[in-house]
C-alpha atoms as a PDB file:
ATOM      1  CA  MET A   1       1.639 -10.193  19.710  1.00  0.00           C
ATOM      2  CA  ASN A   2       2.348 -10.823  16.029  1.00  0.00           C
ATOM      3  CA  PRO A   3       6.154 -10.333  15.497  1.00  0.00           C
ATOM      4  CA  MET A   4       5.556  -8.136  12.429  1.00  0.00           C
ATOM      5  CA  LYS A   5       3.140  -5.871  14.325  1.00  0.00           C
ATOM      6  CA  LYS A   6       5.505  -5.744  17.312  1.00  0.00           C
ATOM      7  CA  ARG A   7       8.395  -4.716  15.084  1.00  0.00           C
ATOM      8  CA  TYR A   8       6.233  -2.128  13.305  1.00  0.00           C
ATOM      9  CA  ARG A   9       5.099  -0.603  16.616  1.00  0.00           C
ATOM     10  CA  HIS A  10       8.700  -0.424  17.807  1.00  0.00           C
ATOM     11  CA  LEU A  11       9.772   1.363  14.618  1.00  0.00           C
ATOM     12  CA  ALA A  12       6.865   3.786  14.813  1.00  0.00           C
ATOM     13  CA  THR A  13       7.518   4.585  18.484  1.00  0.00           C
ATOM     14  CA  THR A  14      11.230   5.174  17.864  1.00  0.00           C
ATOM     15  CA  LEU A  15      10.556   7.561  14.996  1.00  0.00           C
ATOM     16  CA  LEU A  16       7.853   9.448  16.868  1.00  0.00           C
ATOM     17  CA  LEU A  17      10.125   9.937  19.888  1.00  0.00           C
ATOM     18  CA  ALA A  18      12.917  11.175  17.640  1.00  0.00           C
ATOM     19  CA  SER A  19      10.536  13.598  15.922  1.00  0.00           C
ATOM     20  CA  SER A  20       9.243  14.888  19.259  1.00  0.00           C
ATOM     21  CA  ALA A  21      12.755  15.492  20.547  1.00  0.00           C
ATOM     22  CA  LEU A  22      13.682  17.378  17.399  1.00  0.00           C
ATOM     23  CA  ALA A  23      10.513  19.465  17.468  1.00  0.00           C
ATOM     24  CA  GLY A  24      11.361  20.615  20.976  1.00  0.00           C
ATOM     25  CA  THR A  25      14.657  22.170  19.926  1.00  0.00           C
ATOM     26  CA  VAL A  26      14.344  23.107  16.257  1.00  0.00           C
ATOM     27  CA  GLN A  27      11.522  24.867  14.438  1.00  0.00           C
ATOM     28  CA  ALA A  28      12.540  23.703  10.966  1.00  0.00           C
ATOM     29  CA  GLU A  29      10.734  20.803   9.334  1.00  0.00           C
ATOM     30  CA  THR A  30      12.321  17.378   9.042  1.00  0.00           C
ATOM     31  CA  TRP A  31      11.170  14.998   6.303  1.00  0.00           C
ATOM     32  CA  LYS A  32      12.100  11.329   6.563  1.00  0.00           C
ATOM     33  CA  PHE A  33      12.883   9.462   3.311  1.00  0.00           C
ATOM     34  CA  ALA A  34      13.302   5.672   3.675  1.00  0.00           C
ATOM     35  CA  LEU A  35      14.877   3.473   0.994  1.00  0.00           C
ATOM     36  CA  GLU A  36      14.383  -0.114  -0.121  1.00  0.00           C
ATOM     37  CA  GLU A  37      18.088  -0.230  -0.951  1.00  0.00           C
ATOM     38  CA  VAL A  38      21.447   0.288   0.731  1.00  0.00           C
ATOM     39  CA  LYS A  39      23.621   3.384   0.792  1.00  0.00           C
ATOM     40  CA  GLY A  40      25.285   3.974  -2.577  1.00  0.00           C
ATOM     41  CA  SER A  41      22.375   2.518  -4.581  1.00  0.00           C
ATOM     42  CA  VAL A  42      20.244   4.119  -7.306  1.00  0.00           C
ATOM     43  CA  GLN A  43      17.551   4.891  -4.747  1.00  0.00           C
ATOM     44  CA  ASP A  44      20.145   6.461  -2.469  1.00  0.00           C
ATOM     45  CA  ALA A  45      21.413   8.623  -5.342  1.00  0.00           C
ATOM     46  CA  TYR A  46      17.844   9.767  -5.976  1.00  0.00           C
ATOM     47  CA  ALA A  47      17.130  10.492  -2.310  1.00  0.00           C
ATOM     48  CA  GLN A  48      20.414  12.364  -1.821  1.00  0.00           C
ATOM     49  CA  GLU A  49      19.698  14.519  -4.879  1.00  0.00           C
ATOM     50  CA  PHE A  50      16.156  15.168  -3.620  1.00  0.00           C
ATOM     51  CA  LYS A  51      17.590  16.085  -0.214  1.00  0.00           C
ATOM     52  CA  GLN A  52      20.115  18.491  -1.719  1.00  0.00           C
ATOM     53  CA  ARG A  53      17.536  20.223  -3.913  1.00  0.00           C
ATOM     54  CA  ILE A  54      14.884  20.550  -1.206  1.00  0.00           C
ATOM     55  CA  GLU A  55      17.309  21.817   1.425  1.00  0.00           C
ATOM     56  CA  THR A  56      18.825  24.314  -1.031  1.00  0.00           C
ATOM     57  CA  LYS A  57      15.459  25.607  -2.236  1.00  0.00           C
ATOM     58  CA  THR A  58      14.193  26.077   1.327  1.00  0.00           C
ATOM     59  CA  GLY A  59      17.399  27.627   2.620  1.00  0.00           C
ATOM     60  CA  GLY A  60      17.671  24.851   5.190  1.00  0.00           C
ATOM     61  CA  ASP A  61      14.153  25.323   6.552  1.00  0.00           C
ATOM     62  CA  VAL A  62      13.468  21.721   5.524  1.00  0.00           C
ATOM     63  CA  THR A  63      15.903  18.939   6.396  1.00  0.00           C
ATOM     64  CA  VAL A  64      15.556  15.614   4.574  1.00  0.00           C
ATOM     65  CA  GLU A  65      16.820  12.599   6.541  1.00  0.00           C
ATOM     66  CA  VAL A  66      17.628   9.569   4.372  1.00  0.00           C
ATOM     67  CA  TYR A  67      17.296   6.078   5.885  1.00  0.00           C
ATOM     68  CA  PRO A  68      19.025   3.285   3.896  1.00  0.00           C
ATOM     69  CA  TYR A  69      17.602  -0.229   3.645  1.00  0.00           C
ATOM     70  CA  GLY A  70      17.365  -2.070   6.931  1.00  0.00           C
ATOM     71  CA  THR A  71      17.403   1.042   9.113  1.00  0.00           C
ATOM     72  CA  LEU A  72      13.632   1.087   9.556  1.00  0.00           C
ATOM     73  CA  GLY A  73      12.713  -2.448   8.552  1.00  0.00           C
ATOM     74  CA  GLN A  74      11.853  -4.397   5.402  1.00  0.00           C
ATOM     75  CA  SER A  75      10.134  -2.970   2.313  1.00  0.00           C
ATOM     76  CA  GLU A  76       6.655  -3.872   3.579  1.00  0.00           C
ATOM     77  CA  ASP A  77       7.353  -1.998   6.834  1.00  0.00           C
ATOM     78  CA  LEU A  78       8.264   1.174   4.957  1.00  0.00           C
ATOM     79  CA  THR A  79       4.997   1.280   3.028  1.00  0.00           C
ATOM     80  CA  GLU A  80       3.080   0.797   6.282  1.00  0.00           C
ATOM     81  CA  LEU A  81       5.083   3.577   7.932  1.00  0.00           C
ATOM     82  CA  ALA A  82       4.272   5.932   5.057  1.00  0.00           C
ATOM     83  CA  ALA A  83       0.581   4.998   5.024  1.00  0.00           C
ATOM     84  CA  ASN A  84       0.412   5.757   8.744  1.00  0.00           C
ATOM     85  CA  GLY A  85       2.266   9.055   8.491  1.00  0.00           C
ATOM     86  CA  ILE A  86       5.330   7.983  10.489  1.00  0.00           C
ATOM     87  CA  ILE A  87       7.669   8.789   7.587  1.00  0.00           C
ATOM     88  CA  GLN A  88       7.090  11.288   4.795  1.00  0.00           C
ATOM     89  CA  PHE A  89       8.658   9.569   1.769  1.00  0.00           C
ATOM     90  CA  THR A  90       9.684   6.076   0.783  1.00  0.00           C
ATOM     91  CA  ASN A  91      10.519   4.007  -2.247  1.00  0.00           C
ATOM     92  CA  ALA A  92       8.093   1.182  -2.904  1.00  0.00           C
ATOM     93  CA  SER A  93       8.437  -1.416  -5.642  1.00  0.00           C
ATOM     94  CA  PRO A  94       5.139  -2.182  -7.413  1.00  0.00           C
ATOM     95  CA  GLY A  95       5.172  -5.746  -6.102  1.00  0.00           C
ATOM     96  CA  ILE A  96       5.050  -4.404  -2.541  1.00  0.00           C
ATOM     97  CA  PHE A  97       1.733  -2.722  -3.304  1.00  0.00           C
ATOM     98  CA  GLY A  98      -0.025  -6.049  -3.850  1.00  0.00           C
ATOM     99  CA  SER A  99      -1.818  -5.937  -0.512  1.00  0.00           C
ATOM    100  CA  PHE A 100      -2.734  -2.266  -0.968  1.00  0.00           C
ATOM    101  CA  VAL A 101      -3.650  -2.001  -4.649  1.00  0.00           C
ATOM    102  CA  PRO A 102      -3.578  -5.341  -6.516  1.00  0.00           C
ATOM    103  CA  GLU A 103      -3.669  -3.564  -9.889  1.00  0.00           C
ATOM    104  CA  MET A 104      -0.137  -2.226  -9.262  1.00  0.00           C
ATOM    105  CA  GLN A 105       1.155  -5.741  -9.828  1.00  0.00           C
ATOM    106  CA  VAL A 106       0.710  -5.166 -13.555  1.00  0.00           C
ATOM    107  CA  PHE A 107       4.391  -4.166 -13.546  1.00  0.00           C
ATOM    108  CA  SER A 108       5.288  -7.734 -12.604  1.00  0.00           C
ATOM    109  CA  ILE A 109       4.075  -8.946 -16.012  1.00  0.00           C
ATOM    110  CA  PRO A 110       7.101  -9.827 -18.172  1.00  0.00           C
ATOM    111  CA  TYR A 111       7.683  -7.920 -21.397  1.00  0.00           C
ATOM    112  CA  LEU A 112       5.109  -5.213 -20.562  1.00  0.00           C
ATOM    113  CA  LEU A 113       7.430  -2.223 -20.892  1.00  0.00           C
ATOM    114  CA  SER A 114       8.757  -0.983 -24.217  1.00  0.00           C
ATOM    115  CA  SER A 115      12.209  -1.796 -25.564  1.00  0.00           C
ATOM    116  CA  ASP A 116      12.454   1.958 -26.259  1.00  0.00           C
ATOM    117  CA  ASN A 117      13.667   3.725 -23.118  1.00  0.00           C
ATOM    118  CA  GLU A 118      12.291   7.090 -24.265  1.00  0.00           C
ATOM    119  CA  VAL A 119       8.806   5.575 -24.384  1.00  0.00           C
ATOM    120  CA  ASN A 120       9.313   4.083 -20.924  1.00  0.00           C
ATOM    121  CA  LYS A 121      10.488   7.448 -19.602  1.00  0.00           C
ATOM    122  CA  LYS A 122       7.399   9.208 -20.940  1.00  0.00           C
ATOM    123  CA  VAL A 123       4.930   6.649 -19.576  1.00  0.00           C
ATOM    124  CA  LEU A 124       6.600   6.091 -16.192  1.00  0.00           C
ATOM    125  CA  SER A 125       7.058   9.787 -15.450  1.00  0.00           C
ATOM    126  CA  ALA A 126       3.716  11.140 -16.701  1.00  0.00           C
ATOM    127  CA  GLY A 127       1.446   8.359 -17.998  1.00  0.00           C
ATOM    128  CA  PRO A 128      -2.290   8.905 -17.381  1.00  0.00           C
ATOM    129  CA  THR A 129      -2.920   5.320 -16.299  1.00  0.00           C
ATOM    130  CA  ILE A 130      -0.134   5.347 -13.709  1.00  0.00           C
ATOM    131  CA  TYR A 131      -0.855   8.762 -12.215  1.00  0.00           C
ATOM    132  CA  GLY A 132      -4.597   8.817 -12.825  1.00  0.00           C
ATOM    133  CA  THR A 133      -6.093   5.358 -12.425  1.00  0.00           C
ATOM    134  CA  LEU A 134      -3.435   3.721 -10.245  1.00  0.00           C
ATOM    135  CA  GLY A 135      -2.578   6.924  -8.413  1.00  0.00           C
ATOM    136  CA  GLY A 136      -6.220   7.328  -7.450  1.00  0.00           C
ATOM    137  CA  LYS A 137      -6.380   3.813  -6.045  1.00  0.00           C
ATOM    138  CA  LEU A 138      -3.283   4.488  -3.935  1.00  0.00           C
ATOM    139  CA  GLU A 139      -4.760   7.719  -2.607  1.00  0.00           C
ATOM    140  CA  ALA A 140      -7.727   5.725  -1.351  1.00  0.00           C
ATOM    141  CA  LYS A 141      -5.157   3.883   0.823  1.00  0.00           C
ATOM    142  CA  ASN A 142      -3.684   7.192   2.065  1.00  0.00           C
ATOM    143  CA  LEU A 143      -0.653   6.909  -0.225  1.00  0.00           C
ATOM    144  CA  LYS A 144       0.234   9.454  -2.894  1.00  0.00           C
ATOM    145  CA  LEU A 145       2.267   8.372  -5.908  1.00  0.00           C
ATOM    146  CA  LEU A 146       4.834  11.076  -6.672  1.00  0.00           C
ATOM    147  CA  THR A 147       6.923   9.402  -9.352  1.00  0.00           C
ATOM    148  CA  MET A 148       7.975   6.112 -10.889  1.00  0.00           C
ATOM    149  CA  PHE A 149      11.280   5.308 -12.556  1.00  0.00           C
ATOM    150  CA  PRO A 150      13.363   2.336 -13.739  1.00  0.00           C
ATOM    151  CA  GLU A 151      16.524   1.217 -11.976  1.00  0.00           C
ATOM    152  CA  GLY A 152      17.799  -0.977 -14.774  1.00  0.00           C
ATOM    153  CA  GLU A 153      17.031  -4.192 -16.604  1.00  0.00           C
ATOM    154  CA  MET A 154      16.377  -7.184 -14.372  1.00  0.00           C
ATOM    155  CA  VAL A 155      19.253  -9.642 -14.825  1.00  0.00           C
ATOM    156  CA  TRP A 156      19.330 -13.271 -13.737  1.00  0.00           C
ATOM    157  CA  THR A 157      22.336 -14.526 -11.794  1.00  0.00           C
ATOM    158  CA  THR A 158      22.375 -18.310 -11.877  1.00  0.00           C
ATOM    159  CA  ASN A 159      24.444 -21.404 -11.224  1.00  0.00           C
ATOM    160  CA  ARG A 160      23.843 -22.748 -14.735  1.00  0.00           C
ATOM    161  CA  ALA A 161      23.058 -21.463 -18.230  1.00  0.00           C
ATOM    162  CA  ILE A 162      19.422 -20.518 -18.875  1.00  0.00           C
ATOM    163  CA  ARG A 163      18.481 -20.072 -22.530  1.00  0.00           C
ATOM    164  CA  SER A 164      14.968 -21.537 -22.649  1.00  0.00           C
ATOM    165  CA  PRO A 165      12.065 -22.186 -20.275  1.00  0.00           C
ATOM    166  CA  GLN A 166      13.105 -25.844 -20.235  1.00  0.00           C
ATOM    167  CA  ASP A 167      16.394 -24.840 -18.599  1.00  0.00           C
ATOM    168  CA  PHE A 168      14.424 -23.562 -15.594  1.00  0.00           C
ATOM    169  CA  ASN A 169      13.232 -27.070 -14.724  1.00  0.00           C
ATOM    170  CA  ASN A 170      13.985 -27.876 -11.043  1.00  0.00           C
ATOM    171  CA  PHE A 171      15.457 -24.402 -10.618  1.00  0.00           C
ATOM    172  CA  LYS A 172      14.815 -22.410  -7.424  1.00  0.00           C
ATOM    173  CA  MET A 173      14.686 -18.725  -8.343  1.00  0.00           C
ATOM    174  CA  ARG A 174      14.553 -16.134  -5.572  1.00  0.00           C
ATOM    175  CA  VAL A 175      11.872 -13.517  -6.158  1.00  0.00           C
ATOM    176  CA  MET A 176      10.248 -10.794  -4.077  1.00  0.00           C
ATOM    177  CA  ALA A 177       7.184 -11.871  -2.090  1.00  0.00           C
ATOM    178  CA  SER A 178       4.760 -10.831  -4.823  1.00  0.00           C
ATOM    179  CA  PRO A 179       2.067 -13.240  -6.092  1.00  0.00           C
ATOM    180  CA  MET A 180       2.475 -11.967  -9.646  1.00  0.00           C
ATOM    181  CA  LEU A 181       6.260 -12.287  -9.637  1.00  0.00           C
ATOM    182  CA  MET A 182       5.929 -15.823  -8.357  1.00  0.00           C
ATOM    183  CA  GLU A 183       3.462 -16.607 -11.145  1.00  0.00           C
ATOM    184  CA  ALA A 184       5.825 -15.030 -13.679  1.00  0.00           C
ATOM    185  CA  TYR A 185       8.634 -17.407 -12.815  1.00  0.00           C
ATOM    186  CA  LYS A 186       6.279 -20.350 -12.690  1.00  0.00           C
ATOM    187  CA  SER A 187       5.314 -19.479 -16.261  1.00  0.00           C
ATOM    188  CA  PHE A 188       9.015 -19.524 -17.175  1.00  0.00           C
ATOM    189  CA  GLY A 189       9.283 -23.031 -15.695  1.00  0.00           C
ATOM    190  CA  ALA A 190      11.161 -22.143 -12.489  1.00  0.00           C
ATOM    191  CA  ASP A 191      10.338 -22.804  -8.842  1.00  0.00           C
ATOM    192  CA  PRO A 192       9.909 -19.267  -7.411  1.00  0.00           C
ATOM    193  CA  THR A 193      11.274 -18.892  -3.888  1.00  0.00           C
ATOM    194  CA  PRO A 194      10.484 -15.671  -1.986  1.00  0.00           C
ATOM    195  CA  LEU A 195      13.205 -14.522   0.413  1.00  0.00           C
ATOM    196  CA  PRO A 196      14.032 -11.207   2.119  1.00  0.00           C
ATOM    197  CA  TYR A 197      16.643  -9.211   0.213  1.00  0.00           C
ATOM    198  CA  SER A 198      19.130  -9.504   3.072  1.00  0.00           C
ATOM    199  CA  GLU A 199      19.034 -13.327   2.963  1.00  0.00           C
ATOM    200  CA  VAL A 200      19.712 -13.811  -0.755  1.00  0.00           C
ATOM    201  CA  TYR A 201      23.531 -13.918  -0.627  1.00  0.00           C
ATOM    202  CA  GLY A 202      23.570 -16.592   2.062  1.00  0.00           C
ATOM    203  CA  ALA A 203      20.930 -18.645   0.254  1.00  0.00           C
ATOM    204  CA  LEU A 204      22.988 -18.581  -2.954  1.00  0.00           C
ATOM    205  CA  GLN A 205      26.163 -19.427  -1.056  1.00  0.00           C
ATOM    206  CA  LEU A 206      24.520 -22.389   0.693  1.00  0.00           C
ATOM    207  CA  LYS A 207      22.839 -23.472  -2.568  1.00  0.00           C
ATOM    208  CA  MET A 208      19.395 -23.160  -1.010  1.00  0.00           C
ATOM    209  CA  ILE A 209      18.449 -21.359  -4.235  1.00  0.00           C
ATOM    210  CA  ASP A 210      19.856 -21.637  -7.756  1.00  0.00           C
ATOM    211  CA  GLY A 211      19.511 -18.033  -8.826  1.00  0.00           C
ATOM    212  CA  GLN A 212      18.027 -14.614  -8.254  1.00  0.00           C
ATOM    213  CA  VAL A 213      16.961 -11.612 -10.312  1.00  0.00           C
ATOM    214  CA  ASN A 214      17.962  -7.973  -9.822  1.00  0.00           C
ATOM    215  CA  PRO A 215      19.353  -5.004 -11.764  1.00  0.00           C
ATOM    216  CA  VAL A 216      23.118  -4.947 -12.279  1.00  0.00           C
ATOM    217  CA  PHE A 217      23.839  -2.321  -9.620  1.00  0.00           C
ATOM    218  CA  ALA A 218      22.130  -4.456  -6.954  1.00  0.00           C
ATOM    219  CA  ILE A 219      24.001  -7.571  -8.075  1.00  0.00           C
ATOM    220  CA  GLN A 220      27.252  -5.681  -7.606  1.00  0.00           C
ATOM    221  CA  GLU A 221      26.520  -3.892  -4.335  1.00  0.00           C
ATOM    222  CA  MET A 222      25.068  -7.020  -2.682  1.00  0.00           C
ATOM    223  CA  LYS A 223      27.886  -9.128  -4.208  1.00  0.00           C
ATOM    224  CA  PHE A 224      25.500 -11.741  -5.623  1.00  0.00           C
ATOM    225  CA  TYR A 225      27.978 -12.257  -8.472  1.00  0.00           C
ATOM    226  CA  GLU A 226      30.432 -13.791  -5.988  1.00  0.00           C
ATOM    227  CA  VAL A 227      28.112 -16.761  -5.474  1.00  0.00           C
ATOM    228  CA  SER A 228      26.823 -17.092  -9.058  1.00  0.00           C
ATOM    229  CA  ASP A 229      28.338 -18.423 -12.278  1.00  0.00           C
ATOM    230  CA  TYR A 230      26.206 -16.661 -14.898  1.00  0.00           C
ATOM    231  CA  MET A 231      24.630 -13.269 -15.515  1.00  0.00           C
ATOM    232  CA  ILE A 232      21.810 -13.528 -18.049  1.00  0.00           C
ATOM    233  CA  TRP A 233      19.991 -10.710 -19.856  1.00  0.00           C
ATOM    234  CA  ALA A 234      16.583 -11.915 -21.073  1.00  0.00           C
ATOM    235  CA  GLY A 235      14.884  -8.532 -21.549  1.00  0.00           C
ATOM    236  CA  GLN A 236      11.876  -9.617 -19.518  1.00  0.00           C
ATOM    237  CA  GLN A 237      11.588  -6.660 -17.161  1.00  0.00           C
ATOM    238  CA  GLN A 238      12.927  -3.358 -15.976  1.00  0.00           C
ATOM    239  CA  PHE A 239      13.186  -3.019 -12.232  1.00  0.00           C
ATOM    240  CA  THR A 240      10.896  -0.124 -11.395  1.00  0.00           C
ATOM    241  CA  THR A 241      10.325   1.703  -8.154  1.00  0.00           C
ATOM    242  CA  THR A 242       8.032   4.461  -6.990  1.00  0.00           C
ATOM    243  CA  VAL A 243       8.387   7.350  -4.600  1.00  0.00           C
ATOM    244  CA  ILE A 244       5.313   7.652  -2.413  1.00  0.00           C
ATOM    245  CA  THR A 245       4.236   9.902   0.412  1.00  0.00           C
ATOM    246  CA  ASN A 246       1.460   9.968   2.956  1.00  0.00           C
ATOM    247  CA  ASN A 247      -1.540  11.454   1.149  1.00  0.00           C
ATOM    248  CA  ALA A 248      -3.034  13.210   4.185  1.00  0.00           C
ATOM    249  CA  TRP A 249       0.341  14.689   5.156  1.00  0.00           C
ATOM    250  CA  PHE A 250       0.959  15.902   1.604  1.00  0.00           C
ATOM    251  CA  ASN A 251      -2.480  17.501   1.270  1.00  0.00           C
ATOM    252  CA  GLY A 252      -1.979  19.165   4.648  1.00  0.00           C
ATOM    253  CA  LEU A 253       1.181  20.957   3.507  1.00  0.00           C
ATOM    254  CA  PRO A 254       0.986  24.652   2.603  1.00  0.00           C
ATOM    255  CA  GLU A 255       0.473  25.121  -1.135  1.00  0.00           C
ATOM    256  CA  ALA A 256       4.027  26.400  -1.573  1.00  0.00           C
ATOM    257  CA  ARG A 257       5.451  23.236   0.024  1.00  0.00           C
ATOM    258  CA  ARG A 258       3.281  20.948  -2.132  1.00  0.00           C
ATOM    259  CA  LYS A 259       4.396  22.817  -5.229  1.00  0.00           C
ATOM    260  CA  LEU A 260       8.023  22.556  -4.092  1.00  0.00           C
ATOM    261  CA  VAL A 261       7.798  18.762  -3.782  1.00  0.00           C
ATOM    262  CA  GLN A 262       5.999  18.286  -7.099  1.00  0.00           C
ATOM    263  CA  GLU A 263       8.322  20.588  -9.045  1.00  0.00           C
ATOM    264  CA  THR A 264      11.433  18.995  -7.545  1.00  0.00           C
ATOM    265  CA  ILE A 265      10.212  15.487  -8.366  1.00  0.00           C
ATOM    266  CA  SER A 266       9.355  16.533 -11.931  1.00  0.00           C
ATOM    267  CA  GLN A 267      12.721  18.220 -12.456  1.00  0.00           C
ATOM    268  CA  MET A 268      14.530  15.059 -11.341  1.00  0.00           C
ATOM    269  CA  ASN A 269      13.135  12.800 -14.090  1.00  0.00           C
ATOM    270  CA  ASP A 270      16.020  13.413 -16.497  1.00  0.00           C
ATOM    271  CA  PHE A 271      18.523  13.126 -13.643  1.00  0.00           C
ATOM    272  CA  ILE A 272      17.427   9.668 -12.491  1.00  0.00           C
ATOM    273  CA  PHE A 273      16.976   8.148 -15.962  1.00  0.00           C
ATOM    274  CA  THR A 274      20.536   9.148 -16.830  1.00  0.00           C
ATOM    275  CA  LYS A 275      21.917   8.280 -13.398  1.00  0.00           C
ATOM    276  CA  GLN A 276      20.554   4.734 -13.312  1.00  0.00           C
ATOM    277  CA  ALA A 277      22.053   3.970 -16.744  1.00  0.00           C
ATOM    278  CA  GLU A 278      25.453   5.275 -15.614  1.00  0.00           C
ATOM    279  CA  PHE A 279      25.178   3.380 -12.326  1.00  0.00           C
ATOM    280  CA  ASN A 280      24.458   0.062 -13.977  1.00  0.00           C
ATOM    281  CA  GLN A 281      27.204   0.394 -16.582  1.00  0.00           C
ATOM    282  CA  MET A 282      29.748   1.349 -13.915  1.00  0.00           C
ATOM    283  CA  ARG A 283      28.714  -1.538 -11.670  1.00  0.00           C
ATOM    284  CA  LEU A 284      28.879  -4.004 -14.568  1.00  0.00           C
ATOM    285  CA  GLU A 285      32.478  -2.972 -15.228  1.00  0.00           C
ATOM    286  CA  GLN A 286      33.261  -3.493 -11.543  1.00  0.00           C
ATOM    287  CA  ILE A 287      31.791  -7.005 -11.672  1.00  0.00           C
ATOM    288  CA  LYS A 288      33.869  -7.845 -14.754  1.00  0.00           C
ATOM    289  CA  GLN A 289      37.024  -6.623 -13.019  1.00  0.00           C
ATOM    290  CA  ALA A 290      36.267  -8.451  -9.777  1.00  0.00           C
ATOM    291  CA  LYS A 291      35.294 -11.725 -11.470  1.00  0.00           C
ATOM    292  CA  PRO A 292      36.656 -11.994 -15.025  1.00  0.00           C
ATOM    293  CA  GLU A 293      35.477 -15.609 -15.282  1.00  0.00           C
ATOM    294  CA  MET A 294      31.816 -14.587 -14.837  1.00  0.00           C
ATOM    295  CA  LYS A 295      29.830 -15.818 -17.847  1.00  0.00           C
ATOM    296  CA  MET A 296      27.778 -12.992 -19.422  1.00  0.00           C
ATOM    297  CA  VAL A 297      24.864 -14.225 -21.551  1.00  0.00           C
ATOM    298  CA  HIS A 298      22.574 -12.025 -23.667  1.00  0.00           C
ATOM    299  CA  LEU A 299      19.635 -13.982 -25.038  1.00  0.00           C
ATOM    300  CA  ASN A 300      18.951 -13.451 -28.729  1.00  0.00           C
ATOM    301  CA  GLU A 301      15.582 -12.348 -30.112  1.00  0.00           C
ATOM    302  CA  GLN A 302      14.438 -15.913 -30.764  1.00  0.00           C
ATOM    303  CA  GLU A 303      15.270 -16.992 -27.213  1.00  0.00           C
ATOM    304  CA  ARG A 304      13.556 -13.936 -25.744  1.00  0.00           C
ATOM    305  CA  ALA A 305      10.473 -14.600 -27.853  1.00  0.00           C
ATOM    306  CA  GLU A 306      10.241 -18.092 -26.351  1.00  0.00           C
ATOM    307  CA  PHE A 307      10.174 -16.667 -22.824  1.00  0.00           C
ATOM    308  CA  LYS A 308       7.651 -14.036 -23.881  1.00  0.00           C
ATOM    309  CA  ARG A 309       5.336 -16.721 -25.276  1.00  0.00           C
ATOM    310  CA  ALA A 310       5.692 -18.728 -22.071  1.00  0.00           C
ATOM    311  CA  SER A 311       4.712 -15.678 -20.016  1.00  0.00           C
ATOM    312  CA  MET A 312       1.552 -14.738 -21.950  1.00  0.00           C
ATOM    313  CA  PRO A 313      -0.782 -16.610 -19.537  1.00  0.00           C
ATOM    314  CA  MET A 314       0.417 -14.124 -16.902  1.00  0.00           C
ATOM    315  CA  ARG A 315      -1.973 -11.588 -18.372  1.00  0.00           C
ATOM    316  CA  ASP A 316      -4.895 -13.901 -17.613  1.00  0.00           C
ATOM    317  CA  LYS A 317      -3.571 -14.494 -14.078  1.00  0.00           C
ATOM    318  CA  TYR A 318      -3.387 -10.758 -13.532  1.00  0.00           C
ATOM    319  CA  VAL A 319      -6.973 -10.271 -14.680  1.00  0.00           C
ATOM    320  CA  GLU A 320      -8.122 -13.158 -12.452  1.00  0.00           C
ATOM    321  CA  LEU A 321      -6.524 -11.357  -9.513  1.00  0.00           C
ATOM    322  CA  THR A 322      -7.749  -7.848 -10.310  1.00  0.00           C
ATOM    323  CA  GLY A 323     -10.976  -8.248 -12.317  1.00  0.00           C
ATOM    324  CA  LYS A 324     -12.335  -5.690 -14.777  1.00  0.00           C
ATOM    325  CA  SER A 325     -10.368  -2.820 -13.263  1.00  0.00           C
ATOM    326  CA  GLY A 326      -7.138  -4.749 -13.783  1.00  0.00           C
ATOM    327  CA  GLN A 327      -8.080  -5.575 -17.368  1.00  0.00           C
ATOM    328  CA  ALA A 328      -8.637  -1.872 -18.042  1.00  0.00           C
ATOM    329  CA  VAL A 329      -5.259  -0.982 -16.512  1.00  0.00           C
ATOM    330  CA  LEU A 330      -3.465  -3.688 -18.507  1.00  0.00           C
ATOM    331  CA  ASP A 331      -5.102  -2.685 -21.800  1.00  0.00           C
ATOM    332  CA  ALA A 332      -4.312   0.996 -21.243  1.00  0.00           C
ATOM    333  CA  LEU A 333      -0.671   0.400 -20.300  1.00  0.00           C
ATOM    334  CA  GLU A 334      -0.062  -1.971 -23.205  1.00  0.00           C
ATOM    335  CA  GLN A 335      -1.304   0.772 -25.513  1.00  0.00           C
ATOM    336  CA  GLU A 336       0.801   3.475 -23.844  1.00  0.00           C
ATOM    337  CA  PHE A 337       3.997   1.398 -23.896  1.00  0.00           C
ATOM    338  CA  SER A 338       3.460   0.440 -27.553  1.00  0.00           C
ATOM    339  CA  GLN A 339       3.361   4.032 -28.827  1.00  0.00           C
END
């Protein structure tokens, strides 16, 4: 049997047995919320707040169980578990959706989002293209998109200074296993190297890779700064995640429960936008204290413009991958993020 399928079946069986045991003793509902990140992360803060609000509003009739990264498998496993109704909620980065809805990989295109965070907040939390066009495509795969939010600017940690695409020559950059992300770093001049999140520290330590990219909070909590010499802000991307649920499960809920979920998610938009900014600033200060010699580099506008020019062919790659529907999504989002 394929190892991935074997692992998936094991996870599904374990969760089903646990649910059956619980159902035999307790009448209250239990909703499982799986994370792509570890305990103490931005996603964990979101899930814990969601848990607290749901349990309070239902007087304990609904219990939300939060599963940190690694508890139920890798990111790809979690999306499969949600699509098959084994768990109720999970975070899913847009790059993970590549095999489900290729158009979602639009968020892997560098310099797509606005430099104005208020614009990003408006589009990510309520944009018609995200929740209409892309949301509809996800529903066809039995996944419902509930929300999307940023977790901070993507920062490079490297073993040498990177100020131009030429500096990426012969540079192995760890990226998520997303075709578009790999193309993005090829356009920058790097050699993209996909690795599971849990293997990045060791790969940096053993010099199997030269750098990686993540928001500040992840760099701190996974201690990537310990095995890197530079942190570089190039402004190329925000790290975004979604919260998804099983579409059939959601539509099968009583109307009051569906309304409860939707209202709670909507009310948490301000919370998570503020929380992620606080998280990243706090974690950056912790990195500076732990490693004062860490070199912090913020590319200037001219340097950023050079990377943006280098990445422009990514738009053509995206359209090659997704066709006319992808072109329509890209055009619509570029307009929404430019307002």
